[in-house]
Amino acid sequence: MLLFYQYKIKVDIKNNIYIYIYMTKKRRNGGHRVRNRGRVIRVNCNNCGCRVAKDKAIIKKLNRCIINGNIQKDIMDASVIPNYIIPKIHINEYYCISCGVHMKIKQFR
């Protein structure tokens, strides 16, 4: 029974035997990205809406243009400023582990 657990045996001064049983850890970091923090803010998963710790969530970074590609050329031609660059939106999308694996953003669990 004790094959799958880590255990330590300690004997005190009065010859009392104590067995401390610890479950084995699957990951060294416990599935979190940032160490030495007590609490981390929680974010909503973009797919299912569940709350996930920010350092545990899978982050997908998107850079999108504000304007659709069809209209972009017309705006560039009509603008007064020469060589005007249309700004982009930088979006972070957060996914929980199960949704990230399901949507194949992360290939392994």
Protein backbone atom coordinates (compact mmCIF):
# COMPACT_ATOMS: atom_id res chain seq x y z
CA MET A 1 0.00 0.00 0.00
CA LEU A 2 2.84 2.40 0.71
CA LEU A 3 4.39 1.83 -2.72
CA PHE A 4 2.77 4.85 -4.36
CA TYR A 5 3.40 7.26 -1.51
CA GLN A 6 6.50 8.87 -0.12
CA TYR A 7 6.87 8.22 3.56
CA LYS A 8 9.27 9.09 6.37
CA ILE A 9 9.72 7.20 9.59
CA LYS A 10 10.75 9.14 12.70
CA VAL A 11 11.50 7.90 16.16
CA ASP A 12 11.41 10.34 19.09
CA ILE A 13 13.16 10.19 22.46
CA LYS A 14 10.50 7.96 24.05
CA ASN A 15 10.86 5.40 21.21
CA ASN A 16 7.52 6.33 19.68
CA ILE A 17 7.45 5.58 15.97
CA TYR A 18 5.78 8.07 13.63
CA ILE A 19 5.13 7.39 9.97
CA TYR A 20 4.51 10.48 7.85
CA ILE A 21 2.87 9.74 4.51
CA TYR A 22 3.12 12.22 1.63
CA MET A 23 1.45 11.89 -1.74
CA THR A 24 3.86 11.99 -4.64
CA LYS A 25 3.88 15.23 -6.62
CA LYS A 26 3.13 14.99 -10.31
CA ARG A 27 4.72 18.32 -11.17
CA ARG A 28 7.45 20.26 -9.42
CA ASN A 29 5.63 23.56 -9.84
CA GLY A 30 2.17 22.18 -9.05
CA GLY A 31 0.83 23.31 -12.41
CA HIS A 32 1.44 27.02 -11.75
CA ARG A 33 3.81 29.26 -13.68
CA VAL A 34 4.88 31.74 -10.97
CA ARG A 35 6.47 30.68 -7.69
CA ASN A 36 6.69 32.26 -4.21
CA ARG A 37 3.28 33.92 -4.34
CA GLY A 38 0.45 33.24 -1.98
CA ARG A 39 -2.49 34.31 -4.10
CA VAL A 40 -2.81 35.16 -7.75
CA ILE A 41 -5.78 36.92 -9.33
CA ARG A 42 -8.28 34.78 -11.18
CA VAL A 43 -9.34 35.26 -14.77
CA ASN A 44 -12.28 33.92 -16.74
CA CYS A 45 -11.76 31.27 -19.39
CA ASN A 46 -12.79 32.63 -22.80
CA ASN A 47 -14.40 29.35 -23.81
CA CYS A 48 -16.32 27.98 -20.82
CA GLY A 49 -16.21 30.94 -18.42
CA CYS A 50 -14.73 29.11 -15.43
CA ARG A 51 -12.39 30.98 -13.06
CA VAL A 52 -8.71 30.01 -13.35
CA ALA A 53 -5.66 31.34 -11.55
CA LYS A 54 -3.81 33.70 -13.88
CA ASP A 55 -0.49 31.84 -13.60
CA LYS A 56 -2.18 28.48 -14.27
CA ALA A 57 -4.23 29.61 -17.28
CA ILE A 58 -3.07 29.09 -20.87
CA ILE A 59 -2.52 32.49 -22.48
CA LYS A 60 -3.03 33.09 -26.18
CA LYS A 61 -1.78 36.49 -27.37
CA LEU A 62 -3.54 38.05 -30.35
CA ASN A 63 -2.55 41.13 -32.35
CA ARG A 64 -5.43 42.32 -34.52
CA CYS A 65 -6.05 45.36 -36.65
CA ILE A 66 -8.88 47.58 -35.49
CA ILE A 67 -10.29 47.80 -39.01
CA ASN A 68 -11.29 44.98 -41.34
CA GLY A 69 -8.85 44.19 -44.16
CA ASN A 70 -11.33 45.15 -46.90
CA ILE A 71 -11.74 48.71 -45.62
CA GLN A 72 -8.10 49.17 -44.61
CA LYS A 73 -6.86 50.17 -48.08
CA ASP A 74 -9.64 52.74 -48.54
CA ILE A 75 -8.78 54.40 -45.23
CA MET A 76 -5.07 54.46 -46.10
CA ASP A 77 -5.85 56.22 -49.41
CA ALA A 78 -8.30 58.70 -47.85
CA SER A 79 -6.09 59.66 -44.88
CA VAL A 80 -4.45 63.11 -44.79
CA ILE A 81 -1.29 61.82 -43.10
CA PRO A 82 1.06 60.11 -45.56
CA ASN A 83 2.13 56.51 -44.71
CA TYR A 84 -0.45 56.32 -41.92
CA ILE A 85 -0.23 53.08 -39.98
CA ILE A 86 -3.53 51.85 -38.59
CA PRO A 87 -3.16 50.89 -34.92
CA LYS A 88 -3.58 47.33 -33.69
CA ILE A 89 -5.30 45.83 -30.68
CA HIS A 90 -3.26 43.57 -28.41
CA ILE A 91 -5.51 40.99 -26.73
CA ASN A 92 -4.67 38.29 -24.19
CA GLU A 93 -7.07 35.37 -24.24
CA TYR A 94 -7.07 33.09 -21.20
CA TYR A 95 -8.14 29.44 -21.29
CA CYS A 96 -8.44 26.82 -18.56
CA ILE A 97 -6.38 23.66 -18.97
CA SER A 98 -9.23 21.47 -20.20
CA CYS A 99 -10.38 24.01 -22.82
CA GLY A 100 -6.80 24.66 -23.95
CA VAL A 101 -6.23 20.95 -24.52
CA HIS A 102 -9.63 20.54 -26.20
CA MET A 103 -9.05 23.45 -28.58
CA LYS A 104 -5.49 22.22 -29.25
CA ILE A 105 -3.83 25.40 -28.04
CA LYS A 106 -1.76 23.29 -25.67
CA GLN A 107 -0.87 19.85 -27.01
CA PHE A 108 -0.34 18.10 -23.68
CA ARG A 109 -1.77 18.35 -20.20
